[in-house]
Structure formats: structure tokens, C-alpha cells
Amino acid sequence: MRLEELEIRIAGHAYERYCQRVEPINRQALERSVAEELQRGYYRRHDYIQIAGVWWRYSASDGVMTLHTCYGRHHIDLPAAIKWAKRYKDRIVLGEAYGD
């Protein structure tokens, strides 16, 4: 089954991070927006997906795509950056002023 055909579920953590890192939005409106943007196209790498410029950690099974966390809008290759940070026991600060 193609990702565009799956039911979209947004975990509570992903919804909170989206509102924090991208924009405040009603949960149902976000689910509709993600489903519409998914039809237009996406980029995925491993367990990460970029939809309309927004990076998510996701899983898909049994006809459902679950978005587990939202990393926000980034132009970097976020999966590669996260892999690098894990390898070197470093952190990536997203959506917050450094040092807060």
C-alpha cells in the first residue's frame, strides 16, 4: 500500500512539537493538511518523512501512518544530521533559542 493511501494519525507528542516548531493549528486541520500535502509529494529516508518541508518521524503498518514526532521545517538532511548527532553523542536543537 502506498503512503498516500494510508490513514494519518498524529501522536500527541508530534502534534505538540508541530505547534511549537511550525505553527499553532487545530489537530483535525493538521491531519487534513498532512493528508493533502502527502498527495502532492513527499521525501522519505529510513523512518523519517518530509511533507511540505516539515520533517517527521513516522511508522506505517496495518493501513495507518503514525507521525510520532515533528522536527519542523529544515533545509538540512535531517536524517543524516540525527545519525551524526547520535554517533558523536551530540544534540540538535530545534525550534528553540540555544541555551534556553
N, C-alpha and C. Protein backbone atom coordinates (compact mmCIF):
# COMPACT_ATOMS: atom_id res chain seq x y z
N MET A 1 0.84 -1.19 0.00
CA MET A 1 0.00 0.00 0.00
C MET A 1 0.88 1.25 0.00
N ARG A 2 0.53 2.21 -0.81
CA ARG A 2 1.30 3.46 -0.90
C ARG A 2 0.99 4.36 0.29
N LEU A 3 1.95 5.18 0.67
CA LEU A 3 1.78 6.07 1.82
C LEU A 3 0.58 7.00 1.65
N GLU A 4 0.34 7.44 0.42
CA GLU A 4 -0.75 8.37 0.16
C GLU A 4 -2.12 7.75 0.46
N GLU A 5 -2.18 6.44 0.52
CA GLU A 5 -3.45 5.74 0.73
C GLU A 5 -3.71 5.42 2.20
N LEU A 6 -2.74 5.66 3.06
CA LEU A 6 -2.87 5.30 4.46
C LEU A 6 -3.66 6.34 5.26
N GLU A 7 -4.30 5.88 6.30
CA GLU A 7 -4.95 6.78 7.27
C GLU A 7 -3.84 7.48 8.05
N ILE A 8 -4.00 8.76 8.33
CA ILE A 8 -2.99 9.54 9.05
C ILE A 8 -3.38 9.64 10.52
N ARG A 9 -2.44 9.32 11.38
CA ARG A 9 -2.61 9.54 12.82
C ARG A 9 -1.42 10.34 13.31
N ILE A 10 -1.71 11.35 14.10
CA ILE A 10 -0.64 12.20 14.64
C ILE A 10 -0.61 12.00 16.15
N ALA A 11 0.49 11.46 16.64
CA ALA A 11 0.65 11.23 18.07
C ALA A 11 0.61 12.57 18.81
N GLY A 12 0.24 12.52 20.07
CA GLY A 12 0.17 13.74 20.89
C GLY A 12 1.48 14.49 20.90
N HIS A 13 2.59 13.77 21.04
CA HIS A 13 3.92 14.40 21.04
C HIS A 13 4.19 15.11 19.71
N ALA A 14 3.85 14.46 18.60
CA ALA A 14 4.07 15.06 17.28
C ALA A 14 3.23 16.32 17.11
N TYR A 15 1.99 16.27 17.57
CA TYR A 15 1.11 17.44 17.47
C TYR A 15 1.68 18.60 18.29
N GLU A 16 2.11 18.33 19.52
CA GLU A 16 2.68 19.39 20.36
C GLU A 16 3.93 19.99 19.72
N ARG A 17 4.80 19.14 19.18
CA ARG A 17 6.03 19.64 18.56
C ARG A 17 5.73 20.43 17.29
N TYR A 18 4.73 20.02 16.52
CA TYR A 18 4.36 20.77 15.33
C TYR A 18 3.91 22.18 15.74
N CYS A 19 3.05 22.25 16.73
CA CYS A 19 2.56 23.56 17.19
C CYS A 19 3.70 24.42 17.74
N GLN A 20 4.68 23.80 18.36
CA GLN A 20 5.82 24.52 18.91
C GLN A 20 6.81 24.94 17.82
N ARG A 21 7.09 24.05 16.88
CA ARG A 21 8.17 24.27 15.93
C ARG A 21 7.73 24.83 14.58
N VAL A 22 6.45 24.70 14.25
CA VAL A 22 5.99 25.18 12.95
C VAL A 22 4.94 26.27 13.14
N GLU A 23 3.77 25.90 13.65
CA GLU A 23 2.70 26.88 13.87
C GLU A 23 1.60 26.24 14.70
N PRO A 24 0.92 27.04 15.52
CA PRO A 24 -0.24 26.51 16.24
C PRO A 24 -1.36 26.23 15.23
N ILE A 25 -2.02 25.08 15.38
CA ILE A 25 -3.08 24.69 14.46
C ILE A 25 -3.98 23.67 15.15
N ASN A 26 -5.22 23.65 14.77
CA ASN A 26 -6.17 22.67 15.25
C ASN A 26 -5.72 21.28 14.80
N ARG A 27 -5.84 20.29 15.66
CA ARG A 27 -5.36 18.94 15.35
C ARG A 27 -6.02 18.35 14.10
N GLN A 28 -7.34 18.49 13.98
CA GLN A 28 -8.03 17.95 12.80
C GLN A 28 -7.60 18.68 11.53
N ALA A 29 -7.39 19.97 11.63
CA ALA A 29 -6.91 20.74 10.47
C ALA A 29 -5.51 20.27 10.07
N LEU A 30 -4.67 19.97 11.05
CA LEU A 30 -3.33 19.47 10.74
C LEU A 30 -3.40 18.10 10.06
N GLU A 31 -4.25 17.22 10.55
CA GLU A 31 -4.40 15.91 9.92
C GLU A 31 -4.85 16.04 8.47
N ARG A 32 -5.82 16.92 8.21
CA ARG A 32 -6.29 17.15 6.84
C ARG A 32 -5.17 17.72 5.97
N SER A 33 -4.44 18.69 6.52
CA SER A 33 -3.35 19.33 5.78
C SER A 33 -2.26 18.32 5.42
N VAL A 34 -1.88 17.49 6.38
CA VAL A 34 -0.85 16.48 6.13
C VAL A 34 -1.32 15.51 5.04
N ALA A 35 -2.57 15.07 5.12
CA ALA A 35 -3.11 14.14 4.12
C ALA A 35 -3.10 14.78 2.73
N GLU A 36 -3.49 16.05 2.63
CA GLU A 36 -3.50 16.76 1.34
C GLU A 36 -2.08 16.93 0.80
N GLU A 37 -1.16 17.34 1.66
CA GLU A 37 0.22 17.56 1.22
C GLU A 37 0.90 16.25 0.84
N LEU A 38 0.54 15.17 1.50
CA LEU A 38 1.09 13.86 1.18
C LEU A 38 0.73 13.47 -0.25
N GLN A 39 -0.45 13.86 -0.70
CA GLN A 39 -0.87 13.59 -2.07
C GLN A 39 -0.01 14.35 -3.08
N ARG A 40 0.48 15.52 -2.68
CA ARG A 40 1.29 16.36 -3.58
C ARG A 40 2.73 15.87 -3.69
N GLY A 41 3.17 15.15 -2.69
CA GLY A 41 4.52 14.63 -2.73
C GLY A 41 5.20 14.66 -1.37
N TYR A 42 6.25 13.88 -1.26
CA TYR A 42 6.99 13.78 -0.01
C TYR A 42 8.36 13.20 -0.32
N TYR A 43 9.23 13.30 0.68
CA TYR A 43 10.55 12.68 0.60
C TYR A 43 10.71 11.86 1.87
N ARG A 44 11.12 10.63 1.74
CA ARG A 44 11.33 9.83 2.94
C ARG A 44 12.68 9.16 2.91
N ARG A 45 13.21 8.98 4.09
CA ARG A 45 14.50 8.33 4.26
C ARG A 45 14.47 7.61 5.60
N HIS A 46 14.60 6.31 5.53
CA HIS A 46 14.52 5.46 6.71
C HIS A 46 13.15 5.68 7.39
N ASP A 47 13.13 6.04 8.66
CA ASP A 47 11.88 6.26 9.38
C ASP A 47 11.52 7.74 9.48
N TYR A 48 12.06 8.55 8.57
CA TYR A 48 11.79 9.99 8.55
C TYR A 48 11.08 10.33 7.25
N ILE A 49 10.18 11.29 7.33
CA ILE A 49 9.48 11.73 6.13
C ILE A 49 9.38 13.25 6.16
N GLN A 50 9.56 13.86 4.99
CA GLN A 50 9.42 15.30 4.86
C GLN A 50 8.18 15.55 4.01
N ILE A 51 7.21 16.24 4.59
CA ILE A 51 5.95 16.56 3.93
C ILE A 51 5.80 18.07 3.95
N ALA A 52 5.71 18.68 2.78
CA ALA A 52 5.58 20.15 2.67
C ALA A 52 6.68 20.87 3.44
N GLY A 53 7.90 20.33 3.39
CA GLY A 53 9.04 20.97 4.04
C GLY A 53 9.18 20.69 5.52
N VAL A 54 8.25 19.93 6.10
CA VAL A 54 8.27 19.61 7.53
C VAL A 54 8.73 18.17 7.72
N TRP A 55 9.72 17.98 8.58
CA TRP A 55 10.25 16.65 8.86
C TRP A 55 9.51 16.00 10.02
N TRP A 56 9.20 14.72 9.86
CA TRP A 56 8.52 13.92 10.87
C TRP A 56 9.25 12.60 11.05
N ARG A 57 9.12 12.00 12.21
CA ARG A 57 9.50 10.59 12.43
C ARG A 57 8.19 9.83 12.32
N TYR A 58 8.17 8.75 11.54
CA TYR A 58 6.91 8.06 11.30
C TYR A 58 7.07 6.55 11.27
N SER A 59 5.95 5.87 11.32
CA SER A 59 5.90 4.43 11.06
C SER A 59 4.61 4.17 10.29
N ALA A 60 4.58 3.06 9.59
CA ALA A 60 3.39 2.71 8.80
C ALA A 60 3.14 1.21 8.93
N SER A 61 1.91 0.86 9.29
CA SER A 61 1.51 -0.54 9.34
C SER A 61 0.00 -0.63 9.43
N ASP A 62 -0.53 -1.73 8.94
CA ASP A 62 -1.96 -2.03 9.01
C ASP A 62 -2.82 -0.89 8.48
N GLY A 63 -2.39 -0.26 7.39
CA GLY A 63 -3.18 0.79 6.75
C GLY A 63 -3.14 2.14 7.43
N VAL A 64 -2.22 2.31 8.39
CA VAL A 64 -2.14 3.56 9.15
C VAL A 64 -0.71 4.09 9.13
N MET A 65 -0.56 5.39 8.88
CA MET A 65 0.72 6.07 9.05
C MET A 65 0.63 6.87 10.33
N THR A 66 1.52 6.59 11.26
CA THR A 66 1.55 7.33 12.51
C THR A 66 2.75 8.26 12.50
N LEU A 67 2.50 9.54 12.73
CA LEU A 67 3.56 10.53 12.86
C LEU A 67 3.87 10.64 14.35
N HIS A 68 5.08 10.26 14.73
CA HIS A 68 5.44 10.16 16.15
C HIS A 68 6.01 11.45 16.72
N THR A 69 6.79 12.16 15.94
CA THR A 69 7.32 13.44 16.39
C THR A 69 7.54 14.34 15.18
N CYS A 70 7.55 15.62 15.42
CA CYS A 70 7.76 16.62 14.37
C CYS A 70 9.04 17.38 14.67
N TYR A 71 9.90 17.46 13.65
CA TYR A 71 11.16 18.19 13.80
C TYR A 71 11.09 19.60 13.23
N GLY A 72 10.01 19.93 12.54
CA GLY A 72 9.86 21.27 11.98
C GLY A 72 10.38 21.38 10.56
N ARG A 73 10.44 22.62 10.07
CA ARG A 73 10.92 22.89 8.71
C ARG A 73 12.44 23.08 8.74
N HIS A 74 13.13 22.31 7.91
CA HIS A 74 14.59 22.41 7.83
C HIS A 74 15.03 22.12 6.42
N HIS A 75 16.06 22.80 5.99
CA HIS A 75 16.62 22.57 4.66
C HIS A 75 17.76 21.56 4.70
N ILE A 76 18.16 21.17 5.90
CA ILE A 76 19.25 20.20 6.02
C ILE A 76 18.70 18.79 5.82
N ASP A 77 19.59 17.85 5.60
CA ASP A 77 19.21 16.44 5.54
C ASP A 77 19.09 15.98 6.98
N LEU A 78 17.91 16.11 7.54
CA LEU A 78 17.70 15.84 8.95
C LEU A 78 18.05 14.41 9.36
N PRO A 79 17.67 13.39 8.59
CA PRO A 79 18.07 12.03 8.99
C PRO A 79 19.59 11.88 9.12
N ALA A 80 20.35 12.46 8.20
CA ALA A 80 21.81 12.39 8.28
C ALA A 80 22.32 13.15 9.50
N ALA A 81 21.72 14.29 9.80
CA ALA A 81 22.14 15.09 10.96
C ALA A 81 21.87 14.34 12.27
N ILE A 82 20.72 13.69 12.36
CA ILE A 82 20.39 12.93 13.56
C ILE A 82 21.33 11.74 13.72
N LYS A 83 21.63 11.07 12.63
CA LYS A 83 22.57 9.94 12.67
C LYS A 83 23.94 10.41 13.15
N TRP A 84 24.40 11.54 12.63
CA TRP A 84 25.69 12.11 13.04
C TRP A 84 25.66 12.45 14.53
N ALA A 85 24.58 13.10 14.99
CA ALA A 85 24.49 13.51 16.39
C ALA A 85 24.50 12.29 17.32
N LYS A 86 23.81 11.22 16.93
CA LYS A 86 23.83 10.01 17.75
C LYS A 86 25.22 9.40 17.80
N ARG A 87 25.88 9.36 16.66
CA ARG A 87 27.22 8.77 16.58
C ARG A 87 28.20 9.50 17.50
N TYR A 88 28.11 10.82 17.55
CA TYR A 88 29.05 11.62 18.32
C TYR A 88 28.49 12.09 19.66
N LYS A 89 27.37 11.48 20.06
CA LYS A 89 26.74 11.80 21.34
C LYS A 89 26.53 13.30 21.49
N ASP A 90 25.99 13.89 20.45
CA ASP A 90 25.72 15.33 20.39
C ASP A 90 24.21 15.52 20.31
N ARG A 91 23.77 16.76 20.29
CA ARG A 91 22.36 17.07 20.20
C ARG A 91 22.12 18.09 19.11
N ILE A 92 20.92 18.06 18.57
CA ILE A 92 20.48 19.06 17.61
C ILE A 92 19.36 19.84 18.29
N VAL A 93 19.50 21.15 18.38
CA VAL A 93 18.47 21.98 18.99
C VAL A 93 17.54 22.46 17.88
N LEU A 94 16.26 22.15 18.02
CA LEU A 94 15.27 22.51 17.00
C LEU A 94 14.19 23.41 17.60
N GLY A 95 13.91 24.51 16.95
CA GLY A 95 12.79 25.36 17.33
C GLY A 95 12.92 26.10 18.63
N GLU A 96 14.10 26.16 19.18
CA GLU A 96 14.31 26.85 20.44
C GLU A 96 15.58 27.67 20.34
N ALA A 97 15.63 28.73 21.13
CA ALA A 97 16.86 29.52 21.19
C ALA A 97 17.91 28.68 21.93
N TYR A 98 19.11 28.64 21.41
CA TYR A 98 20.17 27.86 22.02
C TYR A 98 20.43 28.35 23.45
N GLY A 99 20.50 27.41 24.36
CA GLY A 99 20.80 27.74 25.75
C GLY A 99 19.59 27.95 26.62
N ASP A 100 18.39 27.94 26.03
CA ASP A 100 17.17 28.09 26.85
C ASP A 100 16.84 26.82 27.59
